[in-house]
Amino acid sequence: MASIKKLKRDFNYAIFDIVEEAFDQQHFGDKSAEATNKIIDEVVDYRNTTIRKINATSSQKEFAALRKEIAENVEKFATKLM
């Protein structure tokens, strides 16, 4: 299914963008290494869990719900970095 492939690609891009921003704030910003490492750990755990969910998706209804969940969680992680 091409849309699953695209979702995985877009999801990974968003996750790696958040991790990169966390490292940037750790090195150049005012966030502590402990705080950013905690966020990175949360993001990586979320990524691994969500990839498993994407692989197990069997219907378009589940697929739509996953898209919504991903958008909400990516926004939540981005807000934590601010």
Protein backbone atom coordinates (compact mmCIF):
# COMPACT_ATOMS: atom_id res chain seq x y z
CA MET A 1 0.00 0.00 0.00
CA ALA A 2 1.67 3.19 -1.17
CA SER A 3 -0.09 5.38 1.38
CA ILE A 4 1.38 3.38 4.26
CA LYS A 5 4.83 3.89 2.79
CA LYS A 6 4.21 7.63 2.51
CA LEU A 7 2.83 7.79 6.07
CA LYS A 8 5.92 6.04 7.42
CA ARG A 9 8.21 8.37 5.49
CA ASP A 10 6.38 11.50 6.65
CA PHE A 11 6.18 10.20 10.21
CA ASN A 12 9.90 9.41 10.35
CA TYR A 13 10.71 12.84 8.92
CA ALA A 14 8.66 14.54 11.65
CA ILE A 15 10.17 12.38 14.41
CA PHE A 16 13.75 12.93 13.26
CA ASP A 17 13.05 16.66 12.97
CA ILE A 18 11.95 16.71 16.63
CA VAL A 19 15.02 14.74 17.72
CA GLU A 20 17.28 17.07 15.74
CA GLU A 21 15.66 20.11 17.35
CA ALA A 22 16.15 18.56 20.80
CA PHE A 23 19.85 18.08 20.11
CA ASP A 24 20.11 21.64 18.81
CA GLN A 25 18.49 22.99 21.98
CA GLN A 26 20.74 20.82 24.08
CA HIS A 27 23.91 22.13 22.43
CA PHE A 28 22.99 25.68 21.48
CA GLY A 29 19.95 26.54 23.56
CA ASP A 30 19.10 26.84 27.18
CA LYS A 31 17.64 23.35 27.70
CA SER A 32 19.56 20.92 29.88
CA ALA A 33 20.85 17.63 28.56
CA GLU A 34 18.67 15.76 31.04
CA ALA A 35 15.47 17.47 29.84
CA THR A 36 16.20 16.99 26.15
CA ASN A 37 17.29 13.38 26.63
CA LYS A 38 13.98 12.68 28.36
CA ILE A 39 12.07 14.14 25.40
CA ILE A 40 14.21 12.18 22.93
CA ASP A 41 13.53 8.94 24.83
CA GLU A 42 9.79 9.64 24.76
CA VAL A 43 9.86 10.41 21.04
CA VAL A 44 11.84 7.27 20.18
CA ASP A 45 9.51 5.08 22.25
CA TYR A 46 6.51 6.68 20.57
CA ARG A 47 8.08 6.16 17.13
CA ASN A 48 8.70 2.47 17.72
CA THR A 49 5.18 1.89 19.04
CA THR A 50 3.59 3.81 16.18
CA ILE A 51 5.56 2.01 13.48
CA ARG A 52 4.22 -1.26 14.89
CA LYS A 53 0.70 0.17 14.76
CA ILE A 54 1.17 1.33 11.17
CA ASN A 55 2.36 -2.13 10.16
CA ALA A 56 -0.67 -3.71 11.83
CA THR A 57 -3.19 -1.35 10.18
CA SER A 58 -5.67 -3.26 8.08
CA SER A 59 -8.46 -0.81 7.28
CA GLN A 60 -8.78 2.74 6.04
CA LYS A 61 -10.65 3.66 9.24
CA GLU A 62 -7.68 2.57 11.37
CA PHE A 63 -5.35 4.35 8.97
CA ALA A 64 -7.27 7.64 9.34
CA ALA A 65 -7.29 7.34 13.12
CA LEU A 66 -3.52 6.76 13.13
CA ARG A 67 -2.94 9.84 10.98
CA LYS A 68 -4.90 11.94 13.47
CA GLU A 69 -3.07 10.43 16.46
CA ILE A 70 0.31 11.03 14.84
CA ALA A 71 -0.49 14.67 14.09
CA GLU A 72 -1.60 15.29 17.68
CA ASN A 73 1.43 13.60 19.24
CA VAL A 74 3.97 15.25 16.95
CA GLU A 75 2.43 18.60 17.89
CA LYS A 76 2.65 17.67 21.58
CA PHE A 77 6.34 16.78 21.32
CA ALA A 78 7.12 19.94 19.38
CA THR A 79 5.38 21.99 22.08
CA LYS A 80 7.45 20.30 24.78
CA LEU A 81 10.60 21.57 23.09
CA MET A 82 9.47 25.19 23.15
